[in-house]
């Protein structure tokens, strides 16, 4: 009976859409969300005014502590026809429209809001790694005539590369684990085409329809993919660098 649930999912009418949306959103979040805290940490590390640096760090951390309910409420209000996003669109010559009703814009809004919410918090670990870089390396590079850009390429990035690699491996292990909370709070029937993902489908069939066996099978499938990605990424990292989880 257990295998019947997997067969039901793989041959079901929503499998292709769910897999496509989950993979695309996960890849977009990886492509834009993973570099964002690194870039922010590098920029914050260059600030020399301690008070301004502390203020900038605090402001960038704050979105992480905002409840998901509040965040999605803000997004919904800003994306309304009379909302802030449309005000900006009109300012630049565009026309007003209900943005969250547009399937083509859903992924952009979802990923951009995720980057805004998590970039500051994610930068903490990279700032810690940057704090451990020996200042003598920068002095030596400066004496050799290296400017800021060359110091970044030849000193900073190699020094924090192990941290970046470990974080990438861990991120790959949760690549398909997009939370259902944000999705069910933002999507609507008009955006199911691009918004519906595996975790939101599990929520519907598991908690709403109370089909426990079926939802468990789908969750297991998702976990197996995550575990496989983790093992592959760790193996590749171990092969091409000296950094790995084990």
Foldseek 3Di string as FASTA:
>chain_A
DLVVLVVCLVPDPCNVLQVVLLLVLLVLLCVPQLCLLVVVLVVLVPDDPVVVSVVVLVVQQVLQPDDLLVLLVLLQQQQAQPHVVVVVQVVVPHHGDNQLLDLVCPSVSVSVSVNSRCSSVVNVVVNVQQVPFDVVLVVVCVVVPDDPVVCCVPGVCVSCVLVSLAVVLVSLLCSSVDALVNLVSRHDPSNCSNRNHLNVVLCCCCVVVVPPSSSVSSVVVSNVSSVVSSVVSQVVCVVPHVHHPD
